[in-house]
Amino acid sequence: MKTPLTAALAAFALLLPARIAPAAVSPERKQAELEAAIAKAADPVAMARAFKLAVEAGRLGFEAGLMQPRDFASPSTPIVGTPFWHSA
């Protein structure tokens, strides 16, 4: 029986990167592992919400896009006030 939760877990399981869930692992196995992680958590509702927020954050990051490539590096922080052991 498919419920909204199992459908969402199945969709999330397909999004897991290969280093977390190798391609040899079936989508059903990934879904079962996610369900177990939620079911065995001390607070299953909070764990399910954490997974939901993780998926949303990942999607927002993907949609935000990458920064433009540059030919050279530039510091993201000012050099003034940098400790002496960080100076070149």
Protein backbone atom coordinates (compact mmCIF):
# COMPACT_ATOMS: atom_id res chain seq x y z
CA MET A 1 0.00 0.00 0.00
CA LYS A 2 1.47 3.33 -1.08
CA THR A 3 0.99 6.19 1.32
CA PRO A 4 2.21 9.75 0.77
CA LEU A 5 5.10 9.03 3.15
CA THR A 6 6.24 5.90 1.33
CA ALA A 7 5.96 7.69 -2.00
CA ALA A 8 8.07 10.57 -0.66
CA LEU A 9 10.64 8.17 0.80
CA ALA A 10 10.86 6.31 -2.49
CA ALA A 11 11.47 9.58 -4.33
CA PHE A 12 14.08 10.66 -1.75
CA ALA A 13 15.85 7.30 -1.97
CA LEU A 14 16.39 7.83 -5.68
CA LEU A 15 18.13 11.16 -4.96
CA LEU A 16 20.84 9.69 -2.73
CA PRO A 17 24.30 10.09 -4.27
CA ALA A 18 26.19 6.97 -5.30
CA ARG A 19 28.77 7.32 -2.52
CA ILE A 20 25.98 7.00 0.07
CA ALA A 21 23.90 4.41 -1.73
CA PRO A 22 25.75 2.65 -4.56
CA ALA A 23 23.90 2.04 -7.82
CA ALA A 24 23.98 -1.70 -7.10
CA VAL A 25 21.54 -1.07 -4.23
CA SER A 26 17.95 -1.20 -5.41
CA PRO A 27 15.57 1.74 -4.86
CA GLU A 28 13.49 -0.55 -2.63
CA ARG A 29 16.54 -1.20 -0.41
CA LYS A 30 17.29 2.54 -0.20
CA GLN A 31 13.69 3.20 0.76
CA ALA A 32 13.78 0.47 3.41
CA GLU A 33 16.93 1.96 4.94
CA LEU A 34 15.38 5.43 5.06
CA GLU A 35 12.22 4.06 6.65
CA ALA A 36 14.33 2.23 9.24
CA ALA A 37 16.30 5.40 10.03
CA ILE A 38 13.07 7.27 10.64
CA ALA A 39 11.32 4.46 12.53
CA LYS A 40 14.27 3.76 14.85
CA ALA A 41 15.00 7.41 15.66
CA ALA A 42 14.31 8.63 19.18
CA ASP A 43 11.91 11.17 17.65
CA PRO A 44 10.64 9.78 14.30
CA VAL A 45 8.61 12.90 13.49
CA ALA A 46 11.67 15.12 13.90
CA MET A 47 13.77 12.71 11.83
CA ALA A 48 11.21 12.70 9.01
CA ARG A 49 11.15 16.50 9.11
CA ALA A 50 14.96 16.57 9.00
CA PHE A 51 14.95 14.43 5.85
CA LYS A 52 12.31 16.68 4.30
CA LEU A 53 14.32 19.81 5.05
CA ALA A 54 17.49 18.18 3.73
CA VAL A 55 15.80 17.41 0.42
CA GLU A 56 14.44 20.96 0.19
CA ALA A 57 17.86 22.45 1.00
CA GLY A 58 19.56 20.30 -1.60
CA ARG A 59 17.04 21.28 -4.24
CA LEU A 60 17.37 25.00 -3.41
CA GLY A 61 21.15 24.73 -3.62
CA PHE A 62 20.94 22.99 -6.98
CA GLU A 63 18.52 25.59 -8.33
CA ALA A 64 20.75 28.44 -7.07
CA GLY A 65 23.46 27.26 -9.46
CA LEU A 66 27.21 27.36 -9.35
CA MET A 67 29.31 30.49 -9.28
CA GLN A 68 31.07 31.55 -12.45
CA PRO A 69 34.51 29.97 -12.93
CA ARG A 70 37.46 32.33 -12.56
CA ASP A 71 40.98 32.21 -13.94
CA PHE A 72 42.58 33.18 -10.64
CA ALA A 73 41.92 32.94 -6.94
CA SER A 74 41.10 35.93 -4.77
CA PRO A 75 40.74 36.00 -0.98
CA SER A 76 37.23 36.08 0.37
CA THR A 77 38.37 37.87 3.54
CA PRO A 78 40.52 40.99 3.88
CA ILE A 79 44.24 40.53 4.47
CA VAL A 80 44.37 43.33 7.08
CA GLY A 81 44.14 41.81 10.53
CA THR A 82 45.20 38.34 9.40
CA PRO A 83 47.36 36.58 12.03
CA PHE A 84 51.09 36.58 11.27
CA TRP A 85 51.21 32.81 10.79
CA HIS A 86 48.80 33.18 7.85
CA SER A 87 50.95 35.77 6.05
CA ALA A 88 52.98 34.67 3.05
